[in-house]
Amino acid sequence: MSRYTGPRCKLCRTSGLKLYLKGTRCTSPKCAIEKRNFRPGQHGQNRIKLSEYAIRLKEKQKARWSYGMTEKQFRRTFADAGRTKGNTGATFMQLLERRLDNVVYRMGFALSRQQARQWVNHGHFAVNGQRVTIPSYRVRTGDMVTAMPASNEFLLTNLEVVSNPTAPKWLLADRATIQGSMVGLPEREDIDTPVQELLIVEFYSR
């Protein structure tokens, strides 16, 4: 399945909550959830009863849309979590958070994960001094994420409109120099993505 390129506000309305896919628009009165908090389509306001499969599928899609991943990428990440010792759901969320595009977003260097993914693709960021253009690159504890010297001016101009620059406790970030580091692995309570990972585990384990 290819990456979704349609209206992102429809994804929030389908999920029934804000996924913060469009940066500052999601916190403004223009947000689709604020204006039309029901499913898209002519029957969107009708009540429907979801089956157990549909509930798990909806939760999986919600998480996949939040992180902007294709189904193949998402399933592969879940498989990696399943091969790791410990709680599969918590490990899965941890792997999602360690993606470079997500780390750039969490550090407050981008308005959304989509923007962070685009900037990583365009080569604006480096990990430990080496340019990385792969958004799915997994950041490790101790890694330094910095802006490329040629991108500093461009990124600083865009950082002026980032509304939520506070990084979670497992990350350190300095917006003035556009650099940060991963100081530890994210714990489940540190991850505010509104998903129930247990339902995703049940979906892929069926």
Protein backbone atom coordinates (compact mmCIF):
# COMPACT_ATOMS: atom_id res chain seq x y z
CA MET A 1 0.00 0.00 0.00
CA SER A 2 1.41 3.39 -0.99
CA ARG A 3 1.61 6.36 1.32
CA TYR A 4 -1.63 8.30 1.82
CA THR A 5 -1.57 11.62 -0.06
CA GLY A 6 -5.18 12.77 0.40
CA PRO A 7 -6.63 15.35 2.83
CA ARG A 8 -5.08 14.74 6.23
CA CYS A 9 -7.99 16.25 8.10
CA LYS A 10 -10.11 13.32 6.86
CA LEU A 11 -7.84 10.96 8.76
CA CYS A 12 -8.48 12.84 12.01
CA ARG A 13 -12.23 12.80 11.40
CA THR A 14 -12.14 9.08 10.61
CA SER A 15 -10.19 8.43 13.82
CA GLY A 16 -12.51 10.66 15.83
CA LEU A 17 -9.70 12.63 17.47
CA LYS A 18 -6.84 14.99 16.67
CA LEU A 19 -3.76 13.27 15.27
CA TYR A 20 -1.90 16.59 14.87
CA LEU A 21 -0.99 15.95 11.25
CA LYS A 22 -1.07 19.59 10.10
CA GLY A 23 0.95 21.48 12.68
CA THR A 24 -0.50 24.77 13.92
CA ARG A 25 -3.79 24.24 12.06
CA CYS A 26 -4.62 21.44 14.50
CA THR A 27 -4.57 23.88 17.42
CA SER A 28 -6.59 26.59 15.65
CA PRO A 29 -10.37 26.99 15.15
CA LYS A 30 -9.83 25.76 11.56
CA CYS A 31 -9.18 22.24 12.81
CA ALA A 32 -11.56 19.77 11.16
CA ILE A 33 -12.36 18.10 14.49
CA GLU A 34 -13.45 21.46 15.89
CA LYS A 35 -15.67 22.20 12.89
CA ARG A 36 -17.03 18.76 11.94
CA ASN A 37 -16.40 16.14 14.57
CA PHE A 38 -17.92 13.20 12.69
CA ARG A 39 -16.79 10.72 10.06
CA PRO A 40 -16.36 12.04 6.50
CA GLY A 41 -18.95 11.09 3.90
CA GLN A 42 -22.70 11.55 3.52
CA HIS A 43 -23.41 8.92 6.19
CA GLY A 44 -20.74 10.19 8.55
CA GLN A 45 -23.18 11.35 11.22
CA ASN A 46 -24.99 8.01 11.38
CA ARG A 47 -24.26 5.83 14.38
CA ILE A 48 -22.56 2.54 13.62
CA LYS A 49 -21.58 -0.38 15.84
CA LEU A 50 -18.03 -1.54 15.19
CA SER A 51 -17.06 -5.19 15.31
CA GLU A 52 -14.08 -6.28 17.39
CA TYR A 53 -12.03 -6.56 14.20
CA ALA A 54 -13.04 -3.02 13.14
CA ILE A 55 -12.08 -1.62 16.56
CA ARG A 56 -8.60 -3.15 16.33
CA LEU A 57 -8.19 -2.09 12.70
CA LYS A 58 -9.18 1.48 13.54
CA GLU A 59 -6.59 1.59 16.35
CA LYS A 60 -3.89 0.25 14.05
CA GLN A 61 -4.75 2.78 11.34
CA LYS A 62 -4.80 5.59 13.89
CA ALA A 63 -1.23 4.79 14.96
CA ARG A 64 -0.03 4.32 11.39
CA TRP A 65 -1.48 7.63 10.28
CA SER A 66 -0.04 9.41 13.32
CA TYR A 67 3.49 8.35 12.41
CA GLY A 68 2.96 8.73 8.65
CA MET A 69 4.00 5.20 7.72
CA THR A 70 3.02 2.78 5.01
CA GLU A 71 1.47 -0.54 5.99
CA LYS A 72 4.65 -2.39 4.99
CA GLN A 73 6.82 -0.17 7.21
CA PHE A 74 4.37 -0.42 10.09
CA ARG A 75 4.14 -4.22 9.93
CA ARG A 76 7.92 -4.56 9.69
CA THR A 77 8.37 -2.40 12.78
CA PHE A 78 5.84 -4.55 14.65
CA ALA A 79 7.74 -7.67 13.59
CA ASP A 80 10.96 -6.16 14.98
CA ALA A 81 9.16 -5.47 18.27
CA GLY A 82 7.91 -9.06 18.39
CA ARG A 83 11.47 -10.38 18.13
CA THR A 84 12.56 -8.28 21.11
CA LYS A 85 12.27 -9.51 24.70
CA GLY A 86 9.74 -7.74 26.88
CA ASN A 87 6.31 -6.22 26.35
CA THR A 88 5.65 -6.23 22.60
CA GLY A 89 3.25 -3.27 22.68
CA ALA A 90 5.56 -1.02 24.71
CA THR A 91 8.58 -2.01 22.60
CA PHE A 92 6.60 -1.31 19.42
CA MET A 93 5.72 2.22 20.58
CA GLN A 94 9.35 2.74 21.57
CA LEU A 95 10.56 1.77 18.09
CA LEU A 96 8.05 4.15 16.50
CA GLU A 97 9.27 7.01 18.70
CA ARG A 98 12.92 6.33 17.81
CA ARG A 99 12.38 7.03 14.11
CA LEU A 100 14.49 10.02 13.06
CA ASP A 101 11.54 11.97 11.63
CA ASN A 102 9.68 11.55 14.92
CA VAL A 103 12.75 12.56 16.97
CA VAL A 104 13.15 15.73 14.90
CA TYR A 105 9.46 16.49 15.50
CA ARG A 106 9.64 15.72 19.23
CA MET A 107 12.67 17.99 19.60
CA GLY A 108 10.53 20.85 18.30
CA PHE A 109 12.45 21.29 15.05
CA ALA A 110 9.36 20.78 12.86
CA LEU A 111 5.64 21.55 12.99
CA SER A 112 4.56 17.99 12.22
CA ARG A 113 5.98 14.56 11.53
CA GLN A 114 5.21 15.05 7.86
CA GLN A 115 7.32 18.21 7.77
CA ALA A 116 10.09 16.50 9.75
CA ARG A 117 10.06 13.57 7.31
CA GLN A 118 10.33 15.94 4.35
CA TRP A 119 13.28 17.81 5.89
CA VAL A 120 15.09 14.58 6.72
CA ASN A 121 14.50 13.38 3.15
CA HIS A 122 15.99 16.63 1.84
CA GLY A 123 19.13 16.11 3.88
CA HIS A 124 18.76 18.94 6.41
CA PHE A 125 19.76 16.81 9.42
CA ALA A 126 22.74 14.74 10.51
CA VAL A 127 23.18 12.05 13.17
CA ASN A 128 26.57 12.04 14.89
CA GLY A 129 27.91 14.33 12.17
CA GLN A 130 26.78 12.16 9.25
CA ARG A 131 23.97 13.34 6.98
CA VAL A 132 20.97 10.99 7.17
CA THR A 133 18.20 11.10 4.57
CA ILE A 134 16.22 8.10 5.80
CA PRO A 135 13.23 9.13 7.99
CA SER A 136 12.92 5.62 9.43
CA TYR A 137 16.51 5.65 10.74
CA ARG A 138 16.44 4.48 14.38
CA VAL A 139 18.10 6.89 16.76
CA ARG A 140 20.02 5.27 19.62
CA THR A 141 20.77 6.47 23.13
CA GLY A 142 23.62 8.96 22.99
CA ASP A 143 23.12 9.90 19.33
CA MET A 144 23.43 13.60 18.46
CA VAL A 145 20.93 15.04 15.98
CA THR A 146 22.08 18.31 14.40
CA ALA A 147 21.18 20.52 11.48
CA MET A 148 23.51 20.50 8.51
CA PRO A 149 25.55 23.77 8.41
CA ALA A 150 24.04 24.79 5.07
CA SER A 151 20.51 24.30 6.47
CA ASN A 152 20.86 26.36 9.67
CA GLU A 153 19.43 29.61 8.28
CA PHE A 154 16.52 27.85 6.57
CA LEU A 155 15.59 25.86 9.66
CA LEU A 156 15.93 28.79 12.06
CA THR A 157 13.48 30.77 9.93
CA ASN A 158 10.93 27.97 10.14
CA LEU A 159 11.47 27.34 13.85
CA GLU A 160 9.93 30.73 14.61
CA VAL A 161 6.45 29.31 13.95
CA VAL A 162 6.85 26.01 15.84
CA SER A 163 4.26 26.25 18.60
CA ASN A 164 5.31 23.44 20.95
CA PRO A 165 9.11 23.32 21.27
CA THR A 166 9.24 21.42 24.58
CA ALA A 167 11.03 18.10 24.12
CA PRO A 168 10.09 15.01 26.22
CA LYS A 169 12.44 14.01 29.03
CA TRP A 170 14.18 11.31 26.98
CA LEU A 171 15.43 13.98 24.57
CA LEU A 172 17.57 17.09 25.00
CA ALA A 173 17.14 19.85 22.44
CA ASP A 174 18.61 23.30 21.86
CA ARG A 175 16.55 25.29 19.39
CA ALA A 176 19.09 28.12 19.22
CA THR A 177 21.71 25.84 17.67
CA ILE A 178 19.28 23.25 16.25
CA GLN A 179 20.90 20.30 17.89
CA GLY A 180 19.79 17.69 20.36
CA SER A 181 20.53 14.24 21.69
CA MET A 182 18.70 11.15 22.81
CA VAL A 183 19.54 10.69 26.49
CA GLY A 184 17.49 7.56 27.11
CA LEU A 185 14.86 5.24 25.72
CA PRO A 186 11.27 6.51 25.82
CA GLU A 187 9.09 4.85 28.43
CA ARG A 188 5.43 4.21 27.61
CA GLU A 189 4.25 6.94 29.98
CA ASP A 190 6.45 9.43 28.10
CA ILE A 191 4.65 8.77 24.80
CA ASP A 192 1.51 10.87 24.37
CA THR A 193 0.36 9.35 21.05
CA PRO A 194 -3.34 8.53 21.71
CA VAL A 195 -3.34 4.83 20.80
CA GLN A 196 -3.94 1.58 22.66
CA GLU A 197 -1.04 -0.57 21.53
CA LEU A 198 -2.62 -3.71 23.03
CA LEU A 199 -5.33 -3.56 20.35
CA ILE A 200 -2.62 -3.32 17.67
CA VAL A 201 -0.88 -6.37 19.11
CA GLU A 202 -4.20 -8.22 19.05
CA PHE A 203 -4.81 -7.12 15.45
CA TYR A 204 -1.52 -8.51 14.15
CA SER A 205 -1.70 -11.61 16.37
CA ARG A 206 -5.12 -12.75 15.19
